[in-house]
Amino acid sequence: CQIYSNYLSSSPPGPYLQDAYVTKPDDKLKHPPFLPPHLLQVLLNKDTGISCDPTLLPEPNHVMLNHLYALSIKDGVMVLSATHRYKKKYVTTLLYKPI
């Protein structure tokens, strides 16, 4: 069994060169992939109910955690947000940046 282990490698077969990667002209025409629909649900754009405190956000979905969201620029201000979970609580951090 040890005789065969000298011939096996964990690397894929083929040449490994130091050449730089060359992009093809049609590579630049490709669009970025679309976002999954659950990442399009921005927590800051959701309406709160009438009986809820308007300063409280609804509980986020688990796929919304640890993502950076950028809202469209309004009145020369860009808003970035990220939501993190700590035990059973959620913390949403907002960054307002004048443009």
PDB file of N, CA and C in Angstrom:
ATOM      1  N   CYS A   1       0.830  -1.198   0.000  1.00  0.00           N
ATOM      2  CA  CYS A   1       0.000   0.000   0.000  1.00  0.00           C
ATOM      3  C   CYS A   1       0.869   1.255   0.000  1.00  0.00           C
ATOM      4  N   GLN A   2       2.014   1.206   0.667  1.00  0.00           N
ATOM      5  CA  GLN A   2       2.894   2.374   0.686  1.00  0.00           C
ATOM      6  C   GLN A   2       3.559   2.602  -0.657  1.00  0.00           C
ATOM      7  N   ILE A   3       3.706   1.581  -1.443  1.00  0.00           N
ATOM      8  CA  ILE A   3       4.329   1.744  -2.754  1.00  0.00           C
ATOM      9  C   ILE A   3       3.473   2.652  -3.629  1.00  0.00           C
ATOM     10  N   TYR A   4       2.145   2.486  -3.566  1.00  0.00           N
ATOM     11  CA  TYR A   4       1.247   3.287  -4.397  1.00  0.00           C
ATOM     12  C   TYR A   4       1.081   4.710  -3.868  1.00  0.00           C
ATOM     13  N   SER A   5       1.295   4.935  -2.582  1.00  0.00           N
ATOM     14  CA  SER A   5       1.104   6.274  -2.030  1.00  0.00           C
ATOM     15  C   SER A   5       2.135   7.260  -2.558  1.00  0.00           C
ATOM     16  N   ASN A   6       3.272   6.793  -3.041  1.00  0.00           N
ATOM     17  CA  ASN A   6       4.279   7.693  -3.604  1.00  0.00           C
ATOM     18  C   ASN A   6       3.816   8.270  -4.936  1.00  0.00           C
ATOM     19  N   TYR A   7       2.932   7.559  -5.641  1.00  0.00           N
ATOM     20  CA  TYR A   7       2.489   7.992  -6.949  1.00  0.00           C
ATOM     21  C   TYR A   7       1.223   8.833  -6.897  1.00  0.00           C
ATOM     22  N   LEU A   8       0.527   8.832  -5.784  1.00  0.00           N
ATOM     23  CA  LEU A   8      -0.716   9.580  -5.668  1.00  0.00           C
ATOM     24  C   LEU A   8      -0.445  10.995  -5.193  1.00  0.00           C
ATOM     25  N   SER A   9      -1.215  11.933  -5.710  1.00  0.00           N
ATOM     26  CA  SER A   9      -1.064  13.328  -5.320  1.00  0.00           C
ATOM     27  C   SER A   9      -2.445  13.905  -5.059  1.00  0.00           C
ATOM     28  N   SER A  10      -2.531  14.852  -4.150  1.00  0.00           N
ATOM     29  CA  SER A  10      -3.818  15.494  -3.877  1.00  0.00           C
ATOM     30  C   SER A  10      -4.083  16.629  -4.863  1.00  0.00           C
ATOM     31  N   SER A  11      -3.088  17.014  -5.675  1.00  0.00           N
ATOM     32  CA  SER A  11      -3.261  18.072  -6.663  1.00  0.00           C
ATOM     33  C   SER A  11      -3.868  17.511  -7.940  1.00  0.00           C
ATOM     34  N   PRO A  12      -4.714  18.284  -8.614  1.00  0.00           N
ATOM     35  CA  PRO A  12      -5.254  17.816  -9.886  1.00  0.00           C
ATOM     36  C   PRO A  12      -4.142  17.708 -10.931  1.00  0.00           C
ATOM     37  N   PRO A  13      -4.271  16.778 -11.861  1.00  0.00           N
ATOM     38  CA  PRO A  13      -3.239  16.639 -12.890  1.00  0.00           C
ATOM     39  C   PRO A  13      -3.278  17.814 -13.862  1.00  0.00           C
ATOM     40  N   GLY A  14      -2.165  18.075 -14.480  1.00  0.00           N
ATOM     41  CA  GLY A  14      -2.088  19.137 -15.471  1.00  0.00           C
ATOM     42  C   GLY A  14      -0.928  20.058 -15.180  1.00  0.00           C
ATOM     43  N   PRO A  15      -0.590  20.908 -16.130  1.00  0.00           N
ATOM     44  CA  PRO A  15       0.553  21.814 -15.939  1.00  0.00           C
ATOM     45  C   PRO A  15       0.185  22.986 -15.023  1.00  0.00           C
ATOM     46  N   TYR A  16       1.139  23.411 -14.250  1.00  0.00           N
ATOM     47  CA  TYR A  16       0.999  24.584 -13.384  1.00  0.00           C
ATOM     48  C   TYR A  16       2.032  25.595 -13.845  1.00  0.00           C
ATOM     49  N   LEU A  17       1.570  26.704 -14.401  1.00  0.00           N
ATOM     50  CA  LEU A  17       2.463  27.693 -15.000  1.00  0.00           C
ATOM     51  C   LEU A  17       2.394  29.007 -14.223  1.00  0.00           C
ATOM     52  N   GLN A  18       3.353  29.860 -14.468  1.00  0.00           N
ATOM     53  CA  GLN A  18       3.406  31.170 -13.832  1.00  0.00           C
ATOM     54  C   GLN A  18       2.844  32.255 -14.739  1.00  0.00           C
ATOM     55  N   ASP A  19       2.139  31.883 -15.810  1.00  0.00           N
ATOM     56  CA  ASP A  19       1.593  32.854 -16.748  1.00  0.00           C
ATOM     57  C   ASP A  19       0.433  33.609 -16.119  1.00  0.00           C
ATOM     58  N   ALA A  20       0.306  34.870 -16.489  1.00  0.00           N
ATOM     59  CA  ALA A  20      -0.800  35.695 -15.997  1.00  0.00           C
ATOM     60  C   ALA A  20      -2.092  35.278 -16.675  1.00  0.00           C
ATOM     61  N   TYR A  21      -3.198  35.436 -15.967  1.00  0.00           N
ATOM     62  CA  TYR A  21      -4.517  35.092 -16.519  1.00  0.00           C
ATOM     63  C   TYR A  21      -4.911  36.165 -17.526  1.00  0.00           C
ATOM     64  N   VAL A  22      -5.297  35.748 -18.704  1.00  0.00           N
ATOM     65  CA  VAL A  22      -5.688  36.670 -19.771  1.00  0.00           C
ATOM     66  C   VAL A  22      -7.205  36.604 -19.919  1.00  0.00           C
ATOM     67  N   THR A  23      -7.838  37.773 -19.833  1.00  0.00           N
ATOM     68  CA  THR A  23      -9.294  37.805 -19.983  1.00  0.00           C
ATOM     69  C   THR A  23      -9.653  37.828 -21.465  1.00  0.00           C
ATOM     70  N   LYS A  24     -10.741  37.199 -21.785  1.00  0.00           N
ATOM     71  CA  LYS A  24     -11.238  37.166 -23.153  1.00  0.00           C
ATOM     72  C   LYS A  24     -12.150  38.376 -23.351  1.00  0.00           C
ATOM     73  N   PRO A  25     -12.272  38.868 -24.581  1.00  0.00           N
ATOM     74  CA  PRO A  25     -13.135  40.040 -24.811  1.00  0.00           C
ATOM     75  C   PRO A  25     -14.590  39.809 -24.409  1.00  0.00           C
ATOM     76  N   ASP A  26     -15.100  38.585 -24.570  1.00  0.00           N
ATOM     77  CA  ASP A  26     -16.498  38.346 -24.216  1.00  0.00           C
ATOM     78  C   ASP A  26     -16.706  38.211 -22.711  1.00  0.00           C
ATOM     79  N   ASP A  27     -15.632  38.066 -21.915  1.00  0.00           N
ATOM     80  CA  ASP A  27     -15.758  38.010 -20.455  1.00  0.00           C
ATOM     81  C   ASP A  27     -16.220  39.340 -19.882  1.00  0.00           C
ATOM     82  N   LYS A  28     -15.858  40.436 -20.514  1.00  0.00           N
ATOM     83  CA  LYS A  28     -16.208  41.756 -20.007  1.00  0.00           C
ATOM     84  C   LYS A  28     -17.678  42.086 -20.254  1.00  0.00           C
ATOM     85  N   LEU A  29     -18.328  41.391 -21.165  1.00  0.00           N
ATOM     86  CA  LEU A  29     -19.720  41.668 -21.487  1.00  0.00           C
ATOM     87  C   LEU A  29     -20.694  40.967 -20.554  1.00  0.00           C
ATOM     88  N   LYS A  30     -20.207  40.037 -19.768  1.00  0.00           N
ATOM     89  CA  LYS A  30     -21.094  39.297 -18.874  1.00  0.00           C
ATOM     90  C   LYS A  30     -21.547  40.175 -17.714  1.00  0.00           C
ATOM     91  N   HIS A  31     -22.783  39.989 -17.307  1.00  0.00           N
ATOM     92  CA  HIS A  31     -23.334  40.732 -16.179  1.00  0.00           C
ATOM     93  C   HIS A  31     -23.101  39.941 -14.901  1.00  0.00           C
ATOM     94  N   PRO A  32     -23.063  40.625 -13.755  1.00  0.00           N
ATOM     95  CA  PRO A  32     -22.935  39.884 -12.495  1.00  0.00           C
ATOM     96  C   PRO A  32     -24.182  39.041 -12.256  1.00  0.00           C
ATOM     97  N   PRO A  33     -24.077  38.001 -11.480  1.00  0.00           N
ATOM     98  CA  PRO A  33     -25.253  37.159 -11.227  1.00  0.00           C
ATOM     99  C   PRO A  33     -26.301  37.913 -10.418  1.00  0.00           C
ATOM    100  N   PHE A  34     -27.561  37.513 -10.585  1.00  0.00           N
ATOM    101  CA  PHE A  34     -28.645  38.130  -9.837  1.00  0.00           C
ATOM    102  C   PHE A  34     -28.605  37.674  -8.384  1.00  0.00           C
ATOM    103  N   LEU A  35     -29.077  38.549  -7.503  1.00  0.00           N
ATOM    104  CA  LEU A  35     -29.152  38.191  -6.089  1.00  0.00           C
ATOM    105  C   LEU A  35     -30.297  37.216  -5.858  1.00  0.00           C
ATOM    106  N   PRO A  36     -30.134  36.319  -4.919  1.00  0.00           N
ATOM    107  CA  PRO A  36     -31.269  35.469  -4.560  1.00  0.00           C
ATOM    108  C   PRO A  36     -32.401  36.333  -4.000  1.00  0.00           C
ATOM    109  N   PRO A  37     -33.652  35.944  -4.206  1.00  0.00           N
ATOM    110  CA  PRO A  37     -34.773  36.804  -3.788  1.00  0.00           C
ATOM    111  C   PRO A  37     -34.822  37.091  -2.297  1.00  0.00           C
ATOM    112  N   HIS A  38     -34.337  36.185  -1.455  1.00  0.00           N
ATOM    113  CA  HIS A  38     -34.404  36.445  -0.014  1.00  0.00           C
ATOM    114  C   HIS A  38     -33.407  37.518   0.415  1.00  0.00           C
ATOM    115  N   LEU A  39     -32.378  37.815  -0.389  1.00  0.00           N
ATOM    116  CA  LEU A  39     -31.460  38.895  -0.044  1.00  0.00           C
ATOM    117  C   LEU A  39     -31.962  40.257  -0.521  1.00  0.00           C
ATOM    118  N   LEU A  40     -33.022  40.269  -1.313  1.00  0.00           N
ATOM    119  CA  LEU A  40     -33.596  41.529  -1.766  1.00  0.00           C
ATOM    120  C   LEU A  40     -34.536  42.139  -0.732  1.00  0.00           C
ATOM    121  N   GLN A  41     -34.861  41.402   0.316  1.00  0.00           N
ATOM    122  CA  GLN A  41     -35.738  41.905   1.372  1.00  0.00           C
ATOM    123  C   GLN A  41     -34.900  42.685   2.382  1.00  0.00           C
ATOM    124  N   VAL A  42     -34.815  43.980   2.158  1.00  0.00           N
ATOM    125  CA  VAL A  42     -34.025  44.823   3.052  1.00  0.00           C
ATOM    126  C   VAL A  42     -34.849  45.123   4.294  1.00  0.00           C
ATOM    127  N   LEU A  43     -34.270  44.886   5.442  1.00  0.00           N
ATOM    128  CA  LEU A  43     -34.971  45.038   6.711  1.00  0.00           C
ATOM    129  C   LEU A  43     -35.436  46.473   6.946  1.00  0.00           C
ATOM    130  N   LEU A  44     -34.667  47.443   6.480  1.00  0.00           N
ATOM    131  CA  LEU A  44     -34.997  48.841   6.733  1.00  0.00           C
ATOM    132  C   LEU A  44     -36.173  49.326   5.891  1.00  0.00           C
ATOM    133  N   ASN A  45     -36.508  48.617   4.826  1.00  0.00           N
ATOM    134  CA  ASN A  45     -37.604  49.041   3.967  1.00  0.00           C
ATOM    135  C   ASN A  45     -38.938  48.414   4.342  1.00  0.00           C
ATOM    136  N   LYS A  46     -38.974  47.574   5.366  1.00  0.00           N
ATOM    137  CA  LYS A  46     -40.219  46.912   5.745  1.00  0.00           C
ATOM    138  C   LYS A  46     -41.074  47.836   6.605  1.00  0.00           C
ATOM    139  N   ASP A  47     -42.372  47.741   6.397  1.00  0.00           N
ATOM    140  CA  ASP A  47     -43.312  48.538   7.187  1.00  0.00           C
ATOM    141  C   ASP A  47     -43.543  47.870   8.540  1.00  0.00           C
ATOM    142  N   THR A  48     -43.699  48.689   9.558  1.00  0.00           N
ATOM    143  CA  THR A  48     -44.059  48.167  10.873  1.00  0.00           C
ATOM    144  C   THR A  48     -45.564  48.284  11.037  1.00  0.00           C
ATOM    145  N   GLY A  49     -46.129  47.432  11.844  1.00  0.00           N
ATOM    146  CA  GLY A  49     -47.571  47.464  12.075  1.00  0.00           C
ATOM    147  C   GLY A  49     -47.979  48.698  12.860  1.00  0.00           C
ATOM    148  N   ILE A  50     -49.262  48.998  12.839  1.00  0.00           N
ATOM    149  CA  ILE A  50     -49.774  50.171  13.554  1.00  0.00           C
ATOM    150  C   ILE A  50     -49.595  50.006  15.058  1.00  0.00           C
ATOM    151  N   SER A  51     -49.748  48.777  15.554  1.00  0.00           N
ATOM    152  CA  SER A  51     -49.646  48.554  16.997  1.00  0.00           C
ATOM    153  C   SER A  51     -48.193  48.478  17.471  1.00  0.00           C
ATOM    154  N   CYS A  52     -47.244  48.428  16.553  1.00  0.00           N
ATOM    155  CA  CYS A  52     -45.819  48.315  16.937  1.00  0.00           C
ATOM    156  C   CYS A  52     -45.199  49.687  17.121  1.00  0.00           C
ATOM    157  N   ASP A  53     -44.131  49.699  17.881  1.00  0.00           N
ATOM    158  CA  ASP A  53     -43.339  50.915  18.048  1.00  0.00           C
ATOM    159  C   ASP A  53     -42.598  51.178  16.733  1.00  0.00           C
ATOM    160  N   PRO A  54     -42.723  52.362  16.130  1.00  0.00           N
ATOM    161  CA  PRO A  54     -42.098  52.612  14.825  1.00  0.00           C
ATOM    162  C   PRO A  54     -40.565  52.611  14.871  1.00  0.00           C
ATOM    163  N   THR A  55     -39.976  52.687  16.053  1.00  0.00           N
ATOM    164  CA  THR A  55     -38.516  52.661  16.142  1.00  0.00           C
ATOM    165  C   THR A  55     -37.969  51.239  16.169  1.00  0.00           C
ATOM    166  N   LEU A  56     -38.850  50.235  16.337  1.00  0.00           N
ATOM    167  CA  LEU A  56     -38.418  48.842  16.367  1.00  0.00           C
ATOM    168  C   LEU A  56     -38.545  48.225  14.982  1.00  0.00           C
ATOM    169  N   LEU A  57     -37.548  47.478  14.589  1.00  0.00           N
ATOM    170  CA  LEU A  57     -37.579  46.778  13.308  1.00  0.00           C
ATOM    171  C   LEU A  57     -38.168  45.391  13.510  1.00  0.00           C
ATOM    172  N   PRO A  58     -38.754  44.814  12.484  1.00  0.00           N
ATOM    173  CA  PRO A  58     -39.245  43.439  12.609  1.00  0.00           C
ATOM    174  C   PRO A  58     -38.074  42.468  12.747  1.00  0.00           C
ATOM    175  N   GLU A  59     -38.356  41.276  13.270  1.00  0.00           N
ATOM    176  CA  GLU A  59     -37.298  40.273  13.444  1.00  0.00           C
ATOM    177  C   GLU A  59     -36.786  39.825  12.078  1.00  0.00           C
ATOM    178  N   PRO A  60     -35.469  39.858  11.870  1.00  0.00           N
ATOM    179  CA  PRO A  60     -34.940  39.518  10.547  1.00  0.00           C
ATOM    180  C   PRO A  60     -34.961  38.019  10.283  1.00  0.00           C
ATOM    181  N   ASN A  61     -35.006  37.682   9.032  1.00  0.00           N
ATOM    182  CA  ASN A  61     -34.880  36.307   8.591  1.00  0.00           C
ATOM    183  C   ASN A  61     -33.413  35.881   8.780  1.00  0.00           C
ATOM    184  N   HIS A  62     -33.154  34.617   8.955  1.00  0.00           N
ATOM    185  CA  HIS A  62     -31.778  34.181   9.222  1.00  0.00           C
ATOM    186  C   HIS A  62     -30.838  34.442   8.046  1.00  0.00           C
ATOM    187  N   VAL A  63     -31.358  34.542   6.835  1.00  0.00           N
ATOM    188  CA  VAL A  63     -30.489  34.814   5.689  1.00  0.00           C
ATOM    189  C   VAL A  63     -30.125  36.290   5.574  1.00  0.00           C
ATOM    190  N   MET A  64     -30.789  37.147   6.325  1.00  0.00           N
ATOM    191  CA  MET A  64     -30.473  38.577   6.294  1.00  0.00           C
ATOM    192  C   MET A  64     -29.306  38.931   7.209  1.00  0.00           C
ATOM    193  N   LEU A  65     -28.918  38.018   8.073  1.00  0.00           N
ATOM    194  CA  LEU A  65     -27.864  38.316   9.034  1.00  0.00           C
ATOM    195  C   LEU A  65     -26.498  38.339   8.349  1.00  0.00           C
ATOM    196  N   ASN A  66     -25.627  39.208   8.853  1.00  0.00           N
ATOM    197  CA  ASN A  66     -24.233  39.312   8.425  1.00  0.00           C
ATOM    198  C   ASN A  66     -24.082  39.673   6.951  1.00  0.00           C
ATOM    199  N   HIS A  67     -25.021  40.433   6.406  1.00  0.00           N
ATOM    200  CA  HIS A  67     -24.900  40.958   5.059  1.00  0.00           C
ATOM    201  C   HIS A  67     -24.891  42.480   5.136  1.00  0.00           C
ATOM    202  N   LEU A  68     -24.162  43.092   4.235  1.00  0.00           N
ATOM    203  CA  LEU A  68     -24.131  44.547   4.159  1.00  0.00           C
ATOM    204  C   LEU A  68     -25.160  44.996   3.134  1.00  0.00           C
ATOM    205  N   TYR A  69     -26.046  45.888   3.546  1.00  0.00           N
ATOM    206  CA  TYR A  69     -27.083  46.413   2.668  1.00  0.00           C
ATOM    207  C   TYR A  69     -26.823  47.889   2.430  1.00  0.00           C
ATOM    208  N   ALA A  70     -26.989  48.316   1.190  1.00  0.00           N
ATOM    209  CA  ALA A  70     -26.854  49.730   0.830  1.00  0.00           C
ATOM    210  C   ALA A  70     -28.184  50.188   0.256  1.00  0.00           C
ATOM    211  N   LEU A  71     -28.760  51.206   0.865  1.00  0.00           N
ATOM    212  CA  LEU A  71     -30.010  51.761   0.369  1.00  0.00           C
ATOM    213  C   LEU A  71     -29.695  52.795  -0.701  1.00  0.00           C
ATOM    214  N   SER A  72     -30.669  53.080  -1.549  1.00  0.00           N
ATOM    215  CA  SER A  72     -30.451  54.062  -2.602  1.00  0.00           C
ATOM    216  C   SER A  72     -30.197  55.441  -1.981  1.00  0.00           C
ATOM    217  N   ILE A  73     -29.427  56.237  -2.657  1.00  0.00           N
ATOM    218  CA  ILE A  73     -29.039  57.557  -2.157  1.00  0.00           C
ATOM    219  C   ILE A  73     -30.238  58.495  -2.242  1.00  0.00           C
ATOM    220  N   LYS A  74     -30.585  59.119  -1.112  1.00  0.00           N
ATOM    221  CA  LYS A  74     -31.676  60.090  -1.045  1.00  0.00           C
ATOM    222  C   LYS A  74     -31.158  61.333  -0.360  1.00  0.00           C
ATOM    223  N   ASP A  75     -31.457  62.459  -0.928  1.00  0.00           N
ATOM    224  CA  ASP A  75     -31.071  63.767  -0.373  1.00  0.00           C
ATOM    225  C   ASP A  75     -29.565  63.837  -0.118  1.00  0.00           C
ATOM    226  N   GLY A  76     -28.769  63.197  -0.976  1.00  0.00           N
ATOM    227  CA  GLY A  76     -27.316  63.263  -0.856  1.00  0.00           C
ATOM    228  C   GLY A  76     -26.747  62.440   0.281  1.00  0.00           C
ATOM    229  N   VAL A  77     -27.510  61.469   0.796  1.00  0.00           N
ATOM    230  CA  VAL A  77     -27.040  60.622   1.898  1.00  0.00           C
ATOM    231  C   VAL A  77     -27.187  59.153   1.496  1.00  0.00           C
ATOM    232  N   MET A  78     -26.107  58.406   1.687  1.00  0.00           N
ATOM    233  CA  MET A  78     -26.146  56.968   1.448  1.00  0.00           C
ATOM    234  C   MET A  78     -26.211  56.263   2.794  1.00  0.00           C
ATOM    235  N   VAL A  79     -27.016  55.206   2.883  1.00  0.00           N
ATOM    236  CA  VAL A  79     -27.200  54.478   4.134  1.00  0.00           C
ATOM    237  C   VAL A  79     -26.727  53.041   3.940  1.00  0.00           C
ATOM    238  N   LEU A  80     -25.836  52.584   4.818  1.00  0.00           N
ATOM    239  CA  LEU A  80     -25.386  51.196   4.859  1.00  0.00           C
ATOM    240  C   LEU A  80     -25.887  50.582   6.156  1.00  0.00           C
ATOM    241  N   SER A  81     -26.260  49.300   6.096  1.00  0.00           N
ATOM    242  CA  SER A  81     -26.728  48.641   7.311  1.00  0.00           C
ATOM    243  C   SER A  81     -26.257  47.195   7.336  1.00  0.00           C
ATOM    244  N   ALA A  82     -26.103  46.674   8.527  1.00  0.00           N
ATOM    245  CA  ALA A  82     -25.765  45.264   8.741  1.00  0.00           C
ATOM    246  C   ALA A  82     -26.457  44.820  10.018  1.00  0.00           C
ATOM    247  N   THR A  83     -27.001  43.604   9.995  1.00  0.00           N
ATOM    248  CA  THR A  83     -27.686  43.054  11.152  1.00  0.00           C
ATOM    249  C   THR A  83     -26.948  41.824  11.649  1.00  0.00           C
ATOM    250  N   HIS A  84     -26.705  41.791  12.941  1.00  0.00           N
ATOM    251  CA  HIS A  84     -26.012  40.667  13.575  1.00  0.00           C
ATOM    252  C   HIS A  84     -26.872  40.147  14.718  1.00  0.00           C
ATOM    253  N   ARG A  85     -26.669  38.894  15.062  1.00  0.00           N
ATOM    254  CA  ARG A  85     -27.412  38.292  16.165  1.00  0.00           C
ATOM    255  C   ARG A  85     -26.454  38.052  17.325  1.00  0.00           C
ATOM    256  N   TYR A  86     -26.906  38.396  18.516  1.00  0.00           N
ATOM    257  CA  TYR A  86     -26.183  38.092  19.743  1.00  0.00           C
ATOM    258  C   TYR A  86     -27.154  37.387  20.673  1.00  0.00           C
ATOM    259  N   LYS A  87     -26.940  36.091  20.872  1.00  0.00           N
ATOM    260  CA  LYS A  87     -27.836  35.224  21.637  1.00  0.00           C
ATOM    261  C   LYS A  87     -29.231  35.306  21.047  1.00  0.00           C
ATOM    262  N   LYS A  88     -30.212  35.858  21.763  1.00  0.00           N
ATOM    263  CA  LYS A  88     -31.577  35.927  21.234  1.00  0.00           C
ATOM    264  C   LYS A  88     -31.950  37.336  20.772  1.00  0.00           C
ATOM    265  N   LYS A  89     -30.968  38.228  20.697  1.00  0.00           N
ATOM    266  CA  LYS A  89     -31.245  39.606  20.299  1.00  0.00           C
ATOM    267  C   LYS A  89     -30.569  39.902  18.972  1.00  0.00           C
ATOM    268  N   TYR A  90     -31.123  40.870  18.265  1.00  0.00           N
ATOM    269  CA  TYR A  90     -30.589  41.289  16.977  1.00  0.00           C
ATOM    270  C   TYR A  90     -30.127  42.733  17.084  1.00  0.00           C
ATOM    271  N   VAL A  91     -28.987  43.019  16.488  1.00  0.00           N
ATOM    272  CA  VAL A  91     -28.432  44.367  16.498  1.00  0.00           C
ATOM    273  C   VAL A  91     -28.246  44.798  15.051  1.00  0.00           C
ATOM    274  N   THR A  92     -28.880  45.904  14.672  1.00  0.00           N
ATOM    275  CA  THR A  92     -28.727  46.469  13.342  1.00  0.00           C
ATOM    276  C   THR A  92     -27.921  47.750  13.460  1.00  0.00           C
ATOM    277  N   THR A  93     -26.834  47.817  12.730  1.00  0.00           N
ATOM    278  CA  THR A  93     -25.959  48.985  12.741  1.00  0.00           C
ATOM    279  C   THR A  93     -26.167  49.758  11.450  1.00  0.00           C
ATOM    280  N   LEU A  94     -26.346  51.057  11.576  1.00  0.00           N
ATOM    281  CA  LEU A  94     -26.543  51.926  10.426  1.00  0.00           C
ATOM    282  C   LEU A  94     -25.377  52.887  10.301  1.00  0.00           C
ATOM    283  N   LEU A  95     -24.993  53.146   9.050  1.00  0.00           N
ATOM    284  CA  LEU A  95     -23.961  54.126   8.767  1.00  0.00           C
ATOM    285  C   LEU A  95     -24.532  55.099   7.745  1.00  0.00           C
ATOM    286  N   TYR A  96     -24.614  56.354   8.127  1.00  0.00           N
ATOM    287  CA  TYR A  96     -25.093  57.396   7.229  1.00  0.00           C
ATOM    288  C   TYR A  96     -23.894  58.140   6.685  1.00  0.00           C
ATOM    289  N   LYS A  97     -23.767  58.198   5.358  1.00  0.00           N
ATOM    290  CA  LYS A  97     -22.621  58.844   4.731  1.00  0.00           C
ATOM    291  C   LYS A  97     -23.115  59.896   3.753  1.00  0.00           C
ATOM    292  N   PRO A  98     -22.818  61.186   4.036  1.00  0.00           N
ATOM    293  CA  PRO A  98     -23.196  62.225   3.065  1.00  0.00           C
ATOM    294  C   PRO A  98     -22.337  62.097   1.804  1.00  0.00           C
ATOM    295  N   ILE A  99     -22.981  62.236   0.685  1.00  0.00           N
ATOM    296  CA  ILE A  99     -22.264  62.138  -0.605  1.00  0.00           C
ATOM    297  C   ILE A  99     -22.147  63.513  -1.227  1.00  0.00           C
TER     298      ILE A  99
END
